[in-house]
C-alpha atoms as a PDB file:
ATOM      1  CA  UNK A   1       0.428 -18.448  15.901  1.00  0.00           C
ATOM      2  CA  UNK A   2       2.044 -15.444  17.494  1.00  0.00           C
ATOM      3  CA  UNK A   3      -0.017 -13.275  19.789  1.00  0.00           C
ATOM      4  CA  UNK A   4       1.542  -9.937  18.840  1.00  0.00           C
ATOM      5  CA  UNK A   5      -0.250  -8.276  15.945  1.00  0.00           C
ATOM      6  CA  UNK A   6       1.663  -6.309  13.357  1.00  0.00           C
ATOM      7  CA  UNK A   7      -0.496  -3.361  12.360  1.00  0.00           C
ATOM      8  CA  UNK A   8      -0.735  -1.928   8.873  1.00  0.00           C
ATOM      9  CA  UNK A   9      -1.041   1.838   8.385  1.00  0.00           C
ATOM     10  CA  UNK A  10      -4.107   3.276  10.121  1.00  0.00           C
ATOM     11  CA  UNK A  11      -7.045   4.530   8.048  1.00  0.00           C
ATOM     12  CA  UNK A  12     -10.768   3.763   7.791  1.00  0.00           C
ATOM     13  CA  UNK A  13      -9.625   0.171   7.475  1.00  0.00           C
ATOM     14  CA  UNK A  14      -7.179  -1.253  10.002  1.00  0.00           C
ATOM     15  CA  UNK A  15      -5.271  -4.434   9.310  1.00  0.00           C
ATOM     16  CA  UNK A  16      -3.524  -6.567  11.918  1.00  0.00           C
ATOM     17  CA  UNK A  17      -1.494  -9.612  10.955  1.00  0.00           C
ATOM     18  CA  UNK A  18      -0.949 -12.753  12.968  1.00  0.00           C
ATOM     19  CA  UNK A  19       1.535 -15.218  11.475  1.00  0.00           C
ATOM     20  CA  UNK A  20       1.501 -18.941  12.003  1.00  0.00           C
ATOM     21  CA  UNK A  21       3.273 -21.891  10.606  1.00  0.00           C
ATOM     22  CA  UNK A  22       0.802 -22.636   7.794  1.00  0.00           C
ATOM     23  CA  UNK A  23      -1.061 -19.364   7.315  1.00  0.00           C
ATOM     24  CA  UNK A  24      -1.081 -15.665   7.902  1.00  0.00           C
ATOM     25  CA  UNK A  25      -4.259 -14.192   9.413  1.00  0.00           C
ATOM     26  CA  UNK A  26      -5.106 -10.679   8.319  1.00  0.00           C
ATOM     27  CA  UNK A  27      -7.659  -9.220  10.747  1.00  0.00           C
ATOM     28  CA  UNK A  28      -9.665  -6.452   9.111  1.00  0.00           C
ATOM     29  CA  UNK A  29     -11.495  -3.770  11.126  1.00  0.00           C
ATOM     30  CA  UNK A  30     -13.476  -0.911   9.618  1.00  0.00           C
ATOM     31  CA  UNK A  31     -14.963  -0.477   6.162  1.00  0.00           C
ATOM     32  CA  UNK A  32     -14.046  -2.503   3.116  1.00  0.00           C
ATOM     33  CA  UNK A  33     -15.129   0.118   0.629  1.00  0.00           C
ATOM     34  CA  UNK A  34     -13.764   1.802  -2.502  1.00  0.00           C
ATOM     35  CA  UNK A  35     -11.682   4.227  -0.389  1.00  0.00           C
ATOM     36  CA  UNK A  36      -9.753   1.413   1.250  1.00  0.00           C
ATOM     37  CA  UNK A  37      -9.494  -1.533  -1.148  1.00  0.00           C
ATOM     38  CA  UNK A  38      -6.175  -0.452  -2.640  1.00  0.00           C
ATOM     39  CA  UNK A  39      -4.624  -0.520   0.834  1.00  0.00           C
ATOM     40  CA  UNK A  40      -6.008  -4.015   1.505  1.00  0.00           C
ATOM     41  CA  UNK A  41      -4.888  -5.405  -1.843  1.00  0.00           C
ATOM     42  CA  UNK A  42      -1.406  -3.951  -1.551  1.00  0.00           C
ATOM     43  CA  UNK A  43      -0.988  -5.183   2.026  1.00  0.00           C
ATOM     44  CA  UNK A  44      -2.217  -8.734   1.412  1.00  0.00           C
ATOM     45  CA  UNK A  45      -0.247  -9.117  -1.865  1.00  0.00           C
ATOM     46  CA  UNK A  46       2.927  -8.158  -0.018  1.00  0.00           C
ATOM     47  CA  UNK A  47       2.347 -11.196   2.239  1.00  0.00           C
ATOM     48  CA  UNK A  48       1.772 -13.792  -0.453  1.00  0.00           C
ATOM     49  CA  UNK A  49       5.405 -14.754  -1.090  1.00  0.00           C
ATOM     50  CA  UNK A  50       6.046 -15.557   2.549  1.00  0.00           C
ATOM     51  CA  UNK A  51       3.098 -17.770   3.500  1.00  0.00           C
ATOM     52  CA  UNK A  52       1.303 -20.937   2.455  1.00  0.00           C
ATOM     53  CA  UNK A  53      -2.083 -19.400   3.190  1.00  0.00           C
ATOM     54  CA  UNK A  54      -3.888 -16.160   3.827  1.00  0.00           C
ATOM     55  CA  UNK A  55      -6.944 -16.081   6.071  1.00  0.00           C
ATOM     56  CA  UNK A  56      -8.823 -12.818   5.823  1.00  0.00           C
ATOM     57  CA  UNK A  57     -10.697 -12.308   9.091  1.00  0.00           C
ATOM     58  CA  UNK A  58     -13.642 -10.045   8.335  1.00  0.00           C
ATOM     59  CA  UNK A  59     -15.193 -10.022  11.821  1.00  0.00           C
ATOM     60  CA  UNK A  60     -14.496  -6.348  12.310  1.00  0.00           C
ATOM     61  CA  UNK A  61     -15.752  -5.256   8.884  1.00  0.00           C
ATOM     62  CA  UNK A  62     -18.885  -3.185   9.407  1.00  0.00           C
ATOM     63  CA  UNK A  63     -19.526  -2.339   5.759  1.00  0.00           C
ATOM     64  CA  UNK A  64     -18.497  -3.723   2.391  1.00  0.00           C
ATOM     65  CA  UNK A  65     -19.405  -2.366  -1.019  1.00  0.00           C
ATOM     66  CA  UNK A  66     -18.921  -3.648  -4.568  1.00  0.00           C
ATOM     67  CA  UNK A  67     -15.305  -2.461  -4.593  1.00  0.00           C
ATOM     68  CA  UNK A  68     -14.716  -4.606  -1.481  1.00  0.00           C
ATOM     69  CA  UNK A  69     -16.205  -7.605  -3.292  1.00  0.00           C
ATOM     70  CA  UNK A  70     -13.923  -6.924  -6.240  1.00  0.00           C
ATOM     71  CA  UNK A  71     -10.930  -6.730  -3.923  1.00  0.00           C
ATOM     72  CA  UNK A  72     -11.733 -10.136  -2.472  1.00  0.00           C
ATOM     73  CA  UNK A  73     -11.865 -11.637  -5.932  1.00  0.00           C
ATOM     74  CA  UNK A  74      -8.638  -9.925  -6.984  1.00  0.00           C
ATOM     75  CA  UNK A  75      -6.890 -11.181  -3.863  1.00  0.00           C
ATOM     76  CA  UNK A  76      -8.220 -14.696  -4.425  1.00  0.00           C
ATOM     77  CA  UNK A  77      -6.797 -14.586  -7.974  1.00  0.00           C
ATOM     78  CA  UNK A  78      -3.447 -13.221  -6.790  1.00  0.00           C
ATOM     79  CA  UNK A  79      -3.198 -15.908  -4.129  1.00  0.00           C
ATOM     80  CA  UNK A  80      -4.055 -18.638  -6.642  1.00  0.00           C
ATOM     81  CA  UNK A  81      -1.286 -17.416  -8.974  1.00  0.00           C
ATOM     82  CA  UNK A  82       1.151 -17.516  -6.071  1.00  0.00           C
ATOM     83  CA  UNK A  83      -0.007 -21.077  -5.098  1.00  0.00           C
ATOM     84  CA  UNK A  84      -1.267 -19.680  -1.772  1.00  0.00           C
ATOM     85  CA  UNK A  85      -4.537 -20.700  -0.142  1.00  0.00           C
ATOM     86  CA  UNK A  86      -6.942 -17.757   0.347  1.00  0.00           C
ATOM     87  CA  UNK A  87      -9.784 -18.136   2.853  1.00  0.00           C
ATOM     88  CA  UNK A  88     -12.397 -15.853   4.404  1.00  0.00           C
ATOM     89  CA  UNK A  89     -13.337 -16.138   8.073  1.00  0.00           C
ATOM     90  CA  UNK A  90     -15.623 -14.573  10.642  1.00  0.00           C
ATOM     91  CA  UNK A  91     -17.677 -12.559   8.205  1.00  0.00           C
ATOM     92  CA  UNK A  92     -21.114 -11.160   9.045  1.00  0.00           C
ATOM     93  CA  UNK A  93     -24.411 -12.300   7.643  1.00  0.00           C
ATOM     94  CA  UNK A  94     -24.563  -9.179   5.479  1.00  0.00           C
ATOM     95  CA  UNK A  95     -21.211 -10.053   3.876  1.00  0.00           C
ATOM     96  CA  UNK A  96     -22.378 -13.638   3.366  1.00  0.00           C
ATOM     97  CA  UNK A  97     -25.552 -12.316   1.763  1.00  0.00           C
ATOM     98  CA  UNK A  98     -23.505 -10.118  -0.638  1.00  0.00           C
ATOM     99  CA  UNK A  99     -21.308 -13.071  -1.578  1.00  0.00           C
ATOM    100  CA  UNK A 100     -24.435 -15.134  -2.222  1.00  0.00           C
ATOM    101  CA  UNK A 101     -26.216 -12.470  -4.269  1.00  0.00           C
ATOM    102  CA  UNK A 102     -23.250 -12.063  -6.498  1.00  0.00           C
ATOM    103  CA  UNK A 103     -22.588 -15.826  -6.815  1.00  0.00           C
ATOM    104  CA  UNK A 104     -19.179 -15.438  -5.196  1.00  0.00           C
ATOM    105  CA  UNK A 105     -19.764 -18.048  -2.497  1.00  0.00           C
ATOM    106  CA  UNK A 106     -18.614 -20.699  -4.987  1.00  0.00           C
ATOM    107  CA  UNK A 107     -15.339 -18.860  -5.631  1.00  0.00           C
ATOM    108  CA  UNK A 108     -14.406 -18.932  -1.987  1.00  0.00           C
ATOM    109  CA  UNK A 109     -15.510 -22.582  -1.743  1.00  0.00           C
ATOM    110  CA  UNK A 110     -16.049 -24.353   1.557  1.00  0.00           C
ATOM    111  CA  UNK A 111     -14.879 -21.618   3.912  1.00  0.00           C
ATOM    112  CA  UNK A 112     -17.444 -19.141   2.595  1.00  0.00           C
ATOM    113  CA  UNK A 113     -20.352 -21.591   2.552  1.00  0.00           C
ATOM    114  CA  UNK A 114     -19.756 -22.814   6.083  1.00  0.00           C
ATOM    115  CA  UNK A 115     -18.685 -19.474   7.618  1.00  0.00           C
ATOM    116  CA  UNK A 116     -15.205 -20.540   8.802  1.00  0.00           C
ATOM    117  CA  UNK A 117     -14.551 -19.194  12.280  1.00  0.00           C
ATOM    118  CA  UNK A 118     -11.187 -18.648  13.865  1.00  0.00           C
ATOM    119  CA  UNK A 119     -10.559 -17.624  17.466  1.00  0.00           C
END
């Protein structure tokens, strides 16, 4: 993967993209809340046609609300329609708890249950 991030527009949620041969990593920093989900969805959907997989790195996400959860589901569905793998990585225990409480762990399959970590 390349070492130079490509930043998305700055806001309460910053997005940096690292492209590799098999996947594009979108590193999220900030809040994944109602104010920022449209930005995330638009940005990730613009990447779907040019990659075999999207890995959403949530390590820098300090807060996520129900709109953030909805955005993850919407992105998963968009990726599935585009025949693109969609994975979550580096999320906090609070995000894992939210996914579990809402029965979304099963949607994100193995990566969510095991807490996939990327460097």
